[in-house]
Amino acid sequence: MGKGLFVPQRVFVQKEALDYEKGKRLVEELRSQGIPLSVYKRRLPAVSFSNPRARFLALKRVLAVGVWAGREFQSCKPSAHYQLPLISGCPGLCEYCYLNTNLGGRPYVRVYVNTEEILARARDYAIKRRPEVTIFEGSATSDPIAVEGWTGSLAEAITFFAQLEEARFRFVTKYTDVNGLLELDHRGKTEIRFSLNAGRVISKFEKGVPSLAQRLVAVRNVARSGYPLGILIAPIFLFTGWQAEYQHLLRTLRDHLADTGVDA
């Protein structure tokens, strides 16, 4: 498995997901790792916890494997036209993350196995908006790189959008398991963005995610592979010496991009 891969402590699989090859493969791979796995029909089984904090932390280590059954994509303004519903949730424990409230009642990571159906729906949306370009966001409620080593869904999406006219794909991540994306024929139609912050902020507020040094290596590798690259530095924390530390971050980022062809 790649560096930065989320390893769940427990897995729940929707029975319908076993009708898909990806669902069968995921079950086989997860079981081979000795991870406890249960199959459910409609709703995730209820699990009792001693207190809300214990519940939140335990569910953060749960992977739910299911089938996306929505009829319409949600909008994603202003950054994109639509959310691409491949994954929801994130195993990271960043204290300021909006997912702590948006998904507070169900903080587990959920992956969908009917990727081909989801991408076919994306094609329909793109065709309807032609000749305008339609942008799809892959990380509105998730960090998809965290589970890419299990699902391969981003690789499928990148390859799909490379061949779809008047469409673009984008996602943001704090994770670093990008090796499976570096050799893809992306044709410049997928933008990969990395969320960075000052080292002090990461060590204090961003738990369960790769370090700044690890992320910068992933940034460099993605840039060398010719992907359109984005950098997100937020939120900005004001602390003693904050300006110097953020300046150091920017200089370090520039150094990592020096030989990639990216103008930094």
C-alpha atoms as a PDB file:
ATOM      1  CA  MET A   1       0.000   0.000   0.000  1.00  0.00           C
ATOM      2  CA  GLY A   2       1.159   3.539  -0.717  1.00  0.00           C
ATOM      3  CA  LYS A   3       2.454   5.971   1.857  1.00  0.00           C
ATOM      4  CA  GLY A   4      -0.317   7.960   3.480  1.00  0.00           C
ATOM      5  CA  LEU A   5      -2.960   5.284   2.858  1.00  0.00           C
ATOM      6  CA  PHE A   6      -5.842   5.211   5.327  1.00  0.00           C
ATOM      7  CA  VAL A   7      -6.068   1.815   7.029  1.00  0.00           C
ATOM      8  CA  PRO A   8      -9.510   1.410   8.612  1.00  0.00           C
ATOM      9  CA  GLN A   9     -10.077  -0.440  11.855  1.00  0.00           C
ATOM     10  CA  ARG A  10     -13.495  -1.639  10.764  1.00  0.00           C
ATOM     11  CA  VAL A  11     -15.350  -1.959   7.449  1.00  0.00           C
ATOM     12  CA  PHE A  12     -19.061  -2.045   6.647  1.00  0.00           C
ATOM     13  CA  VAL A  13     -20.060  -3.158   3.144  1.00  0.00           C
ATOM     14  CA  GLN A  14     -23.464  -2.536   1.606  1.00  0.00           C
ATOM     15  CA  LYS A  15     -24.751  -5.826   0.193  1.00  0.00           C
ATOM     16  CA  GLU A  16     -25.506  -4.217  -3.167  1.00  0.00           C
ATOM     17  CA  ALA A  17     -21.835  -3.214  -3.482  1.00  0.00           C
ATOM     18  CA  LEU A  18     -20.976  -6.886  -3.920  1.00  0.00           C
ATOM     19  CA  ASP A  19     -22.736  -6.790  -7.299  1.00  0.00           C
ATOM     20  CA  TYR A  20     -19.844  -4.673  -8.616  1.00  0.00           C
ATOM     21  CA  GLU A  21     -16.336  -5.883  -9.403  1.00  0.00           C
ATOM     22  CA  LYS A  22     -14.810  -3.047  -7.402  1.00  0.00           C
ATOM     23  CA  GLY A  23     -16.906  -4.014  -4.400  1.00  0.00           C
ATOM     24  CA  LYS A  24     -15.799  -7.631  -4.609  1.00  0.00           C
ATOM     25  CA  ARG A  25     -12.155  -6.596  -4.993  1.00  0.00           C
ATOM     26  CA  LEU A  26     -12.302  -4.231  -2.041  1.00  0.00           C
ATOM     27  CA  VAL A  27     -13.808  -6.905   0.202  1.00  0.00           C
ATOM     28  CA  GLU A  28     -11.106  -9.370  -0.810  1.00  0.00           C
ATOM     29  CA  GLU A  29      -8.279  -6.883  -0.239  1.00  0.00           C
ATOM     30  CA  LEU A  30      -9.626  -5.605   3.076  1.00  0.00           C
ATOM     31  CA  ARG A  31     -10.188  -9.100   4.417  1.00  0.00           C
ATOM     32  CA  SER A  32      -6.670 -10.084   3.359  1.00  0.00           C
ATOM     33  CA  GLN A  33      -5.404  -7.344   5.686  1.00  0.00           C
ATOM     34  CA  GLY A  34      -7.284  -8.873   8.605  1.00  0.00           C
ATOM     35  CA  ILE A  35      -9.621  -5.892   8.977  1.00  0.00           C
ATOM     36  CA  PRO A  36     -12.997  -6.749  10.597  1.00  0.00           C
ATOM     37  CA  LEU A  37     -15.691  -6.553   7.913  1.00  0.00           C
ATOM     38  CA  SER A  38     -19.486  -6.775   8.060  1.00  0.00           C
ATOM     39  CA  VAL A  39     -22.091  -6.743   5.287  1.00  0.00           C
ATOM     40  CA  TYR A  40     -25.299  -4.738   5.743  1.00  0.00           C
ATOM     41  CA  LYS A  41     -28.429  -4.338   3.624  1.00  0.00           C
ATOM     42  CA  ARG A  42     -29.751  -0.791   3.968  1.00  0.00           C
ATOM     43  CA  ARG A  43     -28.381   1.155   6.919  1.00  0.00           C
ATOM     44  CA  LEU A  44     -25.054   0.992   8.657  1.00  0.00           C
ATOM     45  CA  PRO A  45     -25.338  -1.065  11.850  1.00  0.00           C
ATOM     46  CA  ALA A  46     -25.659   0.996  15.019  1.00  0.00           C
ATOM     47  CA  VAL A  47     -22.673   0.797  17.346  1.00  0.00           C
ATOM     48  CA  SER A  48     -22.788   2.076  20.924  1.00  0.00           C
ATOM     49  CA  PHE A  49     -20.047   4.225  22.440  1.00  0.00           C
ATOM     50  CA  SER A  50     -19.293   5.492  25.931  1.00  0.00           C
ATOM     51  CA  ASN A  51     -19.412   9.180  24.939  1.00  0.00           C
ATOM     52  CA  PRO A  52     -19.639  11.449  21.847  1.00  0.00           C
ATOM     53  CA  ARG A  53     -15.865  11.897  21.606  1.00  0.00           C
ATOM     54  CA  ALA A  54     -15.263   8.147  21.613  1.00  0.00           C
ATOM     55  CA  ARG A  55     -17.952   7.740  18.965  1.00  0.00           C
ATOM     56  CA  PHE A  56     -16.446  10.416  16.720  1.00  0.00           C
ATOM     57  CA  LEU A  57     -12.900   9.031  16.947  1.00  0.00           C
ATOM     58  CA  ALA A  58     -14.010   5.433  16.404  1.00  0.00           C
ATOM     59  CA  LEU A  59     -16.155   6.269  13.378  1.00  0.00           C
ATOM     60  CA  LYS A  60     -13.238   8.205  11.876  1.00  0.00           C
ATOM     61  CA  ARG A  61     -11.522   4.811  11.545  1.00  0.00           C
ATOM     62  CA  VAL A  62     -14.495   3.176   9.819  1.00  0.00           C
ATOM     63  CA  LEU A  63     -14.692   2.595   6.062  1.00  0.00           C
ATOM     64  CA  ALA A  64     -18.143   2.204   4.522  1.00  0.00           C
ATOM     65  CA  VAL A  65     -18.302   0.643   1.064  1.00  0.00           C
ATOM     66  CA  GLY A  66     -21.502   1.357  -0.805  1.00  0.00           C
ATOM     67  CA  VAL A  67     -23.333   2.232  -4.011  1.00  0.00           C
ATOM     68  CA  TRP A  68     -24.097   5.835  -4.934  1.00  0.00           C
ATOM     69  CA  ALA A  69     -27.822   5.991  -5.591  1.00  0.00           C
ATOM     70  CA  GLY A  70     -28.378   9.725  -5.980  1.00  0.00           C
ATOM     71  CA  ARG A  71     -30.237  11.042  -8.975  1.00  0.00           C
ATOM     72  CA  GLU A  72     -28.500  14.395  -9.294  1.00  0.00           C
ATOM     73  CA  PHE A  73     -25.047  15.787  -8.535  1.00  0.00           C
ATOM     74  CA  GLN A  74     -24.888  18.576  -5.983  1.00  0.00           C
ATOM     75  CA  SER A  75     -23.629  21.973  -7.070  1.00  0.00           C
ATOM     76  CA  CYS A  76     -20.195  23.133  -5.936  1.00  0.00           C
ATOM     77  CA  LYS A  77     -20.064  26.891  -6.352  1.00  0.00           C
ATOM     78  CA  PRO A  78     -17.909  28.876  -6.727  1.00  0.00           C
ATOM     79  CA  SER A  79     -15.009  26.479  -7.394  1.00  0.00           C
ATOM     80  CA  ALA A  80     -16.798  24.073  -9.746  1.00  0.00           C
ATOM     81  CA  HIS A  81     -20.144  23.363 -11.331  1.00  0.00           C
ATOM     82  CA  TYR A  82     -20.774  19.978  -9.693  1.00  0.00           C
ATOM     83  CA  GLN A  83     -19.490  17.704  -6.970  1.00  0.00           C
ATOM     84  CA  LEU A  84     -18.316  14.323  -8.255  1.00  0.00           C
ATOM     85  CA  PRO A  85     -19.605  11.841  -5.636  1.00  0.00           C
ATOM     86  CA  LEU A  86     -16.840   9.256  -5.539  1.00  0.00           C
ATOM     87  CA  ILE A  87     -16.057   9.471  -1.814  1.00  0.00           C
ATOM     88  CA  SER A  88     -17.283  11.255   1.298  1.00  0.00           C
ATOM     89  CA  GLY A  89     -15.540  11.791   4.604  1.00  0.00           C
ATOM     90  CA  CYS A  90     -11.901  12.049   5.593  1.00  0.00           C
ATOM     91  CA  PRO A  91      -9.852  10.081   8.147  1.00  0.00           C
ATOM     92  CA  GLY A  92      -7.844  13.172   9.096  1.00  0.00           C
ATOM     93  CA  LEU A  93      -8.382  14.916  12.418  1.00  0.00           C
ATOM     94  CA  CYS A  94      -7.776  18.549  11.515  1.00  0.00           C
ATOM     95  CA  GLU A  95      -9.350  20.531  14.332  1.00  0.00           C
ATOM     96  CA  TYR A  96     -10.653  23.370  12.152  1.00  0.00           C
ATOM     97  CA  CYS A  97     -12.174  21.254   9.357  1.00  0.00           C
ATOM     98  CA  TYR A  98     -15.726  22.071   8.229  1.00  0.00           C
ATOM     99  CA  LEU A  99     -16.405  18.347   7.803  1.00  0.00           C
ATOM    100  CA  ASN A 100     -16.458  18.068  11.605  1.00  0.00           C
ATOM    101  CA  THR A 101     -19.821  19.830  11.479  1.00  0.00           C
ATOM    102  CA  ASN A 102     -21.016  18.925   7.963  1.00  0.00           C
ATOM    103  CA  LEU A 103     -20.448  15.210   8.589  1.00  0.00           C
ATOM    104  CA  GLY A 104     -20.343  15.315  12.385  1.00  0.00           C
ATOM    105  CA  GLY A 105     -23.081  12.718  12.763  1.00  0.00           C
ATOM    106  CA  ARG A 106     -21.489  10.324  10.271  1.00  0.00           C
ATOM    107  CA  PRO A 107     -17.741  11.022  10.218  1.00  0.00           C
ATOM    108  CA  TYR A 108     -16.786   7.681   8.686  1.00  0.00           C
ATOM    109  CA  VAL A 109     -15.195   7.465   5.234  1.00  0.00           C
ATOM    110  CA  ARG A 110     -17.586   6.219   2.565  1.00  0.00           C
ATOM    111  CA  VAL A 111     -16.482   5.038  -0.868  1.00  0.00           C
ATOM    112  CA  TYR A 112     -18.750   4.218  -3.779  1.00  0.00           C
ATOM    113  CA  VAL A 113     -18.041   1.251  -6.014  1.00  0.00           C
ATOM    114  CA  ASN A 114     -20.269   2.113  -8.999  1.00  0.00           C
ATOM    115  CA  THR A 115     -17.659   4.461 -10.429  1.00  0.00           C
ATOM    116  CA  GLU A 116     -18.590   3.805 -14.053  1.00  0.00           C
ATOM    117  CA  GLU A 117     -22.194   4.836 -13.411  1.00  0.00           C
ATOM    118  CA  ILE A 118     -21.097   8.000 -11.618  1.00  0.00           C
ATOM    119  CA  LEU A 119     -18.760   8.970 -14.452  1.00  0.00           C
ATOM    120  CA  ALA A 120     -21.457   8.253 -17.030  1.00  0.00           C
ATOM    121  CA  ARG A 121     -23.694  10.681 -15.143  1.00  0.00           C
ATOM    122  CA  ALA A 122     -20.887  13.251 -15.248  1.00  0.00           C
ATOM    123  CA  ARG A 123     -20.728  12.819 -19.013  1.00  0.00           C
ATOM    124  CA  ASP A 124     -24.433  13.630 -19.247  1.00  0.00           C
ATOM    125  CA  TYR A 125     -23.938  16.850 -17.285  1.00  0.00           C
ATOM    126  CA  ALA A 126     -20.983  17.881 -19.440  1.00  0.00           C
ATOM    127  CA  ILE A 127     -22.823  17.198 -22.695  1.00  0.00           C
ATOM    128  CA  LYS A 128     -25.807  19.296 -21.580  1.00  0.00           C
ATOM    129  CA  ARG A 129     -23.579  22.319 -20.932  1.00  0.00           C
ATOM    130  CA  ARG A 130     -21.567  22.185 -24.147  1.00  0.00           C
ATOM    131  CA  PRO A 131     -19.932  24.189 -25.610  1.00  0.00           C
ATOM    132  CA  GLU A 132     -19.198  25.598 -22.133  1.00  0.00           C
ATOM    133  CA  VAL A 133     -16.605  23.795 -20.017  1.00  0.00           C
ATOM    134  CA  THR A 134     -18.020  21.919 -17.017  1.00  0.00           C
ATOM    135  CA  ILE A 135     -15.847  21.567 -13.919  1.00  0.00           C
ATOM    136  CA  PHE A 136     -16.280  18.698 -11.466  1.00  0.00           C
ATOM    137  CA  GLU A 137     -14.938  18.812  -7.894  1.00  0.00           C
ATOM    138  CA  GLY A 138     -13.789  15.527  -6.362  1.00  0.00           C
ATOM    139  CA  SER A 139     -13.133  16.662  -2.791  1.00  0.00           C
ATOM    140  CA  ALA A 140     -16.056  18.825  -1.678  1.00  0.00           C
ATOM    141  CA  THR A 141     -16.784  16.521   1.274  1.00  0.00           C
ATOM    142  CA  SER A 142     -13.720  14.295   1.311  1.00  0.00           C
ATOM    143  CA  ASP A 143     -10.001  13.830   0.834  1.00  0.00           C
ATOM    144  CA  PRO A 144     -10.027  11.181  -1.900  1.00  0.00           C
ATOM    145  CA  ILE A 145      -6.266  10.555  -1.921  1.00  0.00           C
ATOM    146  CA  ALA A 146      -6.564   9.024   1.557  1.00  0.00           C
ATOM    147  CA  VAL A 147      -8.315   5.962   0.095  1.00  0.00           C
ATOM    148  CA  GLU A 148      -6.993   5.995  -3.475  1.00  0.00           C
ATOM    149  CA  GLY A 149      -4.779   2.995  -2.777  1.00  0.00           C
ATOM    150  CA  TRP A 150      -7.895   0.990  -2.013  1.00  0.00           C
ATOM    151  CA  THR A 151     -10.317   2.348  -4.615  1.00  0.00           C
ATOM    152  CA  GLY A 152      -8.367   3.588  -7.637  1.00  0.00           C
ATOM    153  CA  SER A 153     -11.338   5.907  -8.211  1.00  0.00           C
ATOM    154  CA  LEU A 154      -9.271   9.031  -8.835  1.00  0.00           C
ATOM    155  CA  ALA A 155      -7.198   7.237 -11.459  1.00  0.00           C
ATOM    156  CA  GLU A 156     -10.419   6.191 -13.184  1.00  0.00           C
ATOM    157  CA  ALA A 157     -11.786   9.732 -13.048  1.00  0.00           C
ATOM    158  CA  ILE A 158      -8.571  11.328 -14.316  1.00  0.00           C
ATOM    159  CA  THR A 159      -8.432   8.942 -17.275  1.00  0.00           C
ATOM    160  CA  PHE A 160     -12.130   9.512 -17.967  1.00  0.00           C
ATOM    161  CA  PHE A 161     -11.938  13.313 -17.972  1.00  0.00           C
ATOM    162  CA  ALA A 162      -8.814  13.275 -20.133  1.00  0.00           C
ATOM    163  CA  GLN A 163     -11.021  11.943 -22.926  1.00  0.00           C
ATOM    164  CA  LEU A 164     -14.167  13.989 -22.244  1.00  0.00           C
ATOM    165  CA  GLU A 165     -14.512  17.197 -24.233  1.00  0.00           C
ATOM    166  CA  GLU A 166     -15.407  20.457 -22.483  1.00  0.00           C
ATOM    167  CA  ALA A 167     -14.921  18.981 -19.009  1.00  0.00           C
ATOM    168  CA  ARG A 168     -12.356  19.380 -16.236  1.00  0.00           C
ATOM    169  CA  PHE A 169     -11.730  17.628 -12.915  1.00  0.00           C
ATOM    170  CA  ARG A 170     -10.148  18.953  -9.739  1.00  0.00           C
ATOM    171  CA  PHE A 171      -9.573  17.911  -6.136  1.00  0.00           C
ATOM    172  CA  VAL A 172      -7.577  18.983  -3.085  1.00  0.00           C
ATOM    173  CA  THR A 173      -5.677  16.830  -0.604  1.00  0.00           C
ATOM    174  CA  LYS A 174      -3.461  16.755   2.449  1.00  0.00           C
ATOM    175  CA  TYR A 175      -2.467  13.163   1.714  1.00  0.00           C
ATOM    176  CA  THR A 176       0.493  11.949  -0.289  1.00  0.00           C
ATOM    177  CA  ASP A 177      -0.356   8.602  -1.917  1.00  0.00           C
ATOM    178  CA  VAL A 178      -0.127  10.009  -5.452  1.00  0.00           C
ATOM    179  CA  ASN A 179       2.214   7.489  -7.086  1.00  0.00           C
ATOM    180  CA  GLY A 180      -0.643   5.727  -8.872  1.00  0.00           C
ATOM    181  CA  LEU A 181      -1.555   8.991 -10.622  1.00  0.00           C
ATOM    182  CA  LEU A 182       1.851  10.111 -11.850  1.00  0.00           C
ATOM    183  CA  GLU A 183       2.013   8.069 -15.058  1.00  0.00           C
ATOM    184  CA  LEU A 184      -1.570   8.644 -16.188  1.00  0.00           C
ATOM    185  CA  ASP A 185      -2.380  10.331 -19.498  1.00  0.00           C
ATOM    186  CA  HIS A 186      -4.225  13.208 -17.819  1.00  0.00           C
ATOM    187  CA  ARG A 187      -3.856  15.610 -20.795  1.00  0.00           C
ATOM    188  CA  GLY A 188      -3.793  18.557 -18.422  1.00  0.00           C
ATOM    189  CA  LYS A 189      -7.497  18.255 -17.641  1.00  0.00           C
ATOM    190  CA  THR A 190      -7.213  17.421 -13.938  1.00  0.00           C
ATOM    191  CA  GLU A 191      -6.002  19.988 -11.427  1.00  0.00           C
ATOM    192  CA  ILE A 192      -4.490  18.582  -8.235  1.00  0.00           C
ATOM    193  CA  ARG A 193      -4.384  20.979  -5.301  1.00  0.00           C
ATOM    194  CA  PHE A 194      -2.477  20.498  -2.066  1.00  0.00           C
ATOM    195  CA  SER A 195      -3.482  21.963   1.269  1.00  0.00           C
ATOM    196  CA  LEU A 196      -0.413  23.242   3.122  1.00  0.00           C
ATOM    197  CA  ASN A 197       0.177  25.292   6.230  1.00  0.00           C
ATOM    198  CA  ALA A 198       2.937  26.483   8.518  1.00  0.00           C
ATOM    199  CA  GLY A 199       4.752  23.698  10.317  1.00  0.00           C
ATOM    200  CA  ARG A 200       3.559  24.884  13.719  1.00  0.00           C
ATOM    201  CA  VAL A 201      -0.058  24.829  12.576  1.00  0.00           C
ATOM    202  CA  ILE A 202       0.246  21.333  11.134  1.00  0.00           C
ATOM    203  CA  SER A 203       1.839  19.893  14.278  1.00  0.00           C
ATOM    204  CA  LYS A 204      -0.771  21.448  16.575  1.00  0.00           C
ATOM    205  CA  PHE A 205      -4.022  21.353  14.611  1.00  0.00           C
ATOM    206  CA  GLU A 206      -3.684  18.813  11.772  1.00  0.00           C
ATOM    207  CA  LYS A 207      -3.653  15.333  13.286  1.00  0.00           C
ATOM    208  CA  GLY A 208      -3.678  12.071  11.389  1.00  0.00           C
ATOM    209  CA  VAL A 209      -2.388  13.535   8.129  1.00  0.00           C
ATOM    210  CA  PRO A 210       1.055  13.566   6.457  1.00  0.00           C
ATOM    211  CA  SER A 211       3.659  16.093   7.536  1.00  0.00           C
ATOM    212  CA  LEU A 212       4.548  19.207   5.578  1.00  0.00           C
ATOM    213  CA  ALA A 213       7.758  17.577   4.340  1.00  0.00           C
ATOM    214  CA  GLN A 214       5.827  14.575   2.998  1.00  0.00           C
ATOM    215  CA  ARG A 215       3.277  16.802   1.279  1.00  0.00           C
ATOM    216  CA  LEU A 216       5.964  18.892  -0.383  1.00  0.00           C
ATOM    217  CA  VAL A 217       7.494  15.758  -1.905  1.00  0.00           C
ATOM    218  CA  ALA A 218       4.067  14.851  -3.299  1.00  0.00           C
ATOM    219  CA  VAL A 219       3.664  18.409  -4.626  1.00  0.00           C
ATOM    220  CA  ARG A 220       6.955  18.119  -6.489  1.00  0.00           C
ATOM    221  CA  ASN A 221       6.089  14.711  -7.943  1.00  0.00           C
ATOM    222  CA  VAL A 222       2.696  15.907  -9.182  1.00  0.00           C
ATOM    223  CA  ALA A 223       4.255  19.029 -10.709  1.00  0.00           C
ATOM    224  CA  ARG A 224       6.858  16.924 -12.524  1.00  0.00           C
ATOM    225  CA  SER A 225       4.050  14.823 -13.987  1.00  0.00           C
ATOM    226  CA  GLY A 226       2.609  17.884 -15.703  1.00  0.00           C
ATOM    227  CA  TYR A 227      -0.651  18.196 -13.817  1.00  0.00           C
ATOM    228  CA  PRO A 228      -2.111  21.666 -13.370  1.00  0.00           C
ATOM    229  CA  LEU A 229      -1.105  22.359  -9.777  1.00  0.00           C
ATOM    230  CA  GLY A 230      -2.830  24.350  -7.067  1.00  0.00           C
ATOM    231  CA  ILE A 231      -1.691  25.251  -3.558  1.00  0.00           C
ATOM    232  CA  LEU A 232      -4.128  26.085  -0.782  1.00  0.00           C
ATOM    233  CA  ILE A 233      -2.738  27.739   2.349  1.00  0.00           C
ATOM    234  CA  ALA A 234      -5.627  28.133   4.761  1.00  0.00           C
ATOM    235  CA  PRO A 235      -6.626  28.974   7.357  1.00  0.00           C
ATOM    236  CA  ILE A 236      -3.924  31.514   8.174  1.00  0.00           C
ATOM    237  CA  PHE A 237      -3.158  31.434  11.906  1.00  0.00           C
ATOM    238  CA  LEU A 238      -1.838  34.524  13.662  1.00  0.00           C
ATOM    239  CA  PHE A 239       0.732  33.609  16.305  1.00  0.00           C
ATOM    240  CA  THR A 240       4.030  35.028  17.498  1.00  0.00           C
ATOM    241  CA  GLY A 241       6.348  34.893  14.480  1.00  0.00           C
ATOM    242  CA  TRP A 242       3.581  33.885  12.077  1.00  0.00           C
ATOM    243  CA  GLN A 243       4.812  36.037   9.209  1.00  0.00           C
ATOM    244  CA  ALA A 244       8.305  34.573   9.294  1.00  0.00           C
ATOM    245  CA  GLU A 245       6.968  31.029   9.454  1.00  0.00           C
ATOM    246  CA  TYR A 246       4.618  31.501   6.507  1.00  0.00           C
ATOM    247  CA  GLN A 247       7.430  33.151   4.540  1.00  0.00           C
ATOM    248  CA  HIS A 248       9.553  30.085   5.284  1.00  0.00           C
ATOM    249  CA  LEU A 249       6.725  27.888   4.002  1.00  0.00           C
ATOM    250  CA  LEU A 250       6.561  29.817   0.726  1.00  0.00           C
ATOM    251  CA  ARG A 251      10.334  29.696   0.245  1.00  0.00           C
ATOM    252  CA  THR A 252      10.393  25.964   0.932  1.00  0.00           C
ATOM    253  CA  LEU A 253       7.560  25.426  -1.532  1.00  0.00           C
ATOM    254  CA  ARG A 254       9.436  27.445  -4.160  1.00  0.00           C
ATOM    255  CA  ASP A 255      12.557  25.330  -3.612  1.00  0.00           C
ATOM    256  CA  HIS A 256      10.592  22.103  -4.083  1.00  0.00           C
ATOM    257  CA  LEU A 257       9.177  23.403  -7.370  1.00  0.00           C
ATOM    258  CA  ALA A 258      12.483  24.756  -8.687  1.00  0.00           C
ATOM    259  CA  ASP A 259      13.166  21.957 -11.187  1.00  0.00           C
ATOM    260  CA  THR A 260       9.587  21.109 -12.155  1.00  0.00           C
ATOM    261  CA  GLY A 261       8.844  23.731 -14.786  1.00  0.00           C
ATOM    262  CA  VAL A 262       6.259  25.382 -12.533  1.00  0.00           C
ATOM    263  CA  ASP A 263       6.699  29.132 -12.214  1.00  0.00           C
ATOM    264  CA  ALA A 264       6.812  29.689  -8.451  1.00  0.00           C
END
